Each structure stands twice: as structure tokens, then as C-alpha cells.
Protein backbone atom coordinates (compact mmCIF):
# COMPACT_ATOMS: atom_id res chain seq x y z
CA MET A 1 2.25 18.25 -31.12
CA LEU A 2 3.65 21.61 -33.49
CA VAL A 3 7.25 22.73 -33.31
CA TRP A 4 7.38 25.83 -34.32
CA MET A 5 10.56 26.94 -37.38
CA LEU A 6 10.76 30.23 -37.90
CA ARG A 7 14.11 30.81 -36.20
CA LYS A 8 15.84 27.27 -38.48
CA VAL A 9 14.33 29.32 -42.03
CA MET A 10 15.40 31.94 -41.10
CA ALA A 11 19.42 30.40 -40.29
CA GLU A 12 18.89 28.45 -43.90
CA ARG A 13 18.86 31.96 -45.24
CA GLY A 14 20.96 34.56 -43.99
CA ILE A 15 19.00 35.84 -42.05
CA TRP A 16 19.54 36.71 -38.14
CA THR A 17 17.95 39.28 -36.62
CA GLY A 18 14.31 40.78 -36.19
CA ALA A 19 15.16 43.89 -37.76
CA ALA A 20 16.57 41.71 -40.70
CA LEU A 21 13.28 39.83 -40.58
CA SER A 22 11.49 43.21 -40.55
CA ARG A 23 12.78 44.17 -43.21
CA LEU A 24 12.59 41.16 -45.73
CA LEU A 25 8.88 40.79 -44.06
CA LYS A 26 7.73 44.98 -46.09
CA GLU A 27 10.04 44.62 -48.93
CA LYS A 28 9.15 41.53 -49.85
CA ALA A 29 5.13 41.30 -48.77
CA GLY A 30 4.45 44.88 -47.65
CA TYR A 31 3.49 43.50 -44.41
CA GLU A 32 4.71 45.62 -40.86
CA LEU A 33 5.37 43.41 -37.75
CA SER A 34 5.81 45.75 -34.23
CA ALA A 35 9.19 44.48 -33.13
CA PRO A 36 7.95 43.25 -29.83
CA SER A 37 6.04 40.63 -32.64
CA ILE A 38 8.66 39.99 -34.30
CA SER A 39 10.97 39.34 -32.05
CA ALA A 40 8.11 37.23 -29.58
CA LEU A 41 8.39 34.75 -33.80
CA ILE A 42 11.86 34.49 -33.54
CA ASN A 43 11.63 33.21 -29.69
CA GLY A 44 8.50 31.15 -29.12
CA SER A 45 6.33 29.30 -30.53
CA PRO A 46 2.61 32.08 -31.47
CA LYS A 47 0.31 30.73 -28.84
CA GLN A 48 -2.27 31.79 -31.83
CA LEU A 49 -0.57 33.44 -35.34
CA LYS A 50 -2.95 35.67 -37.91
CA ALA A 51 -3.13 33.87 -41.44
CA GLU A 52 -2.30 36.66 -43.13
CA THR A 53 0.49 37.11 -40.23
CA LEU A 54 1.61 33.65 -41.71
CA ASP A 55 1.00 34.31 -45.13
CA ALA A 56 4.20 37.41 -45.28
CA LEU A 57 6.44 35.01 -43.29
CA CYS A 58 6.09 32.44 -45.94
CA THR A 59 5.73 35.01 -48.99
CA ALA A 60 8.77 36.47 -47.34
CA LEU A 61 10.24 33.89 -46.07
CA GLU A 62 9.86 31.95 -50.39
CA CYS A 63 8.84 29.28 -47.54
CA THR A 64 5.64 27.43 -46.74
CA PRO A 65 3.36 27.41 -43.88
CA ASN A 66 4.73 23.00 -43.48
CA ASP A 67 9.13 24.69 -43.67
CA LEU A 68 7.34 26.88 -40.75
CA TRP A 69 5.79 24.07 -38.18
CA VAL A 70 6.80 20.94 -37.92
CA HIS A 71 4.56 17.92 -36.55
CA THR A 72 4.30 14.99 -34.46
CA PRO A 73 1.79 13.60 -33.44
CA THR A 74 1.05 13.52 -29.30
CA TYR A 75 -1.00 10.82 -28.70
CA LYS A 76 -1.81 7.22 -31.11
CA LYS A 77 -4.98 5.69 -30.41
CA ASP A 78 -4.34 1.49 -30.34
CA ALA A 79 -5.97 -0.62 -33.69
């Protein structure tokens, strides 16, 4: 299972609103997302995510994809 950690990463960096994330994306990554798209990313785990968006988030938040996602295996094959 993948757990989306964007809210946690934002909080660790003192970013509390979608508007603040939007400004940061534009300033640091030159990337613009609509308010509904930012809201969807903050409020839930994305079903799909463009590599370009992931790159912009990592650039703006100074993190890696591993910071934004936590993976826990949901299936274990018996030996």
C-alpha cells in the first residue's frame, strides 16, 4: 500500500495552505497547478500523478519522491 504524505511534508516545512503551496511551486519550480488540483493533492491520495507534477513538488519542497510516498507491502508471498 502507498500512503501519500504531502500534508506531513508541507507541515514540516511550515506550509499550511494550498495557496502557500501554489506560490512555492511557482517560485521554486516554475510550475502552476489549478486550485482544485492542489486541493485534491492535499486532501487525498492521488490516483495518478504526472512525473512533471511530482518533479515540481520535489523541487519546491526540497524533498524526494520517497518523502512523499510511504510504501507498505500489502501482499507477502509464502516461501
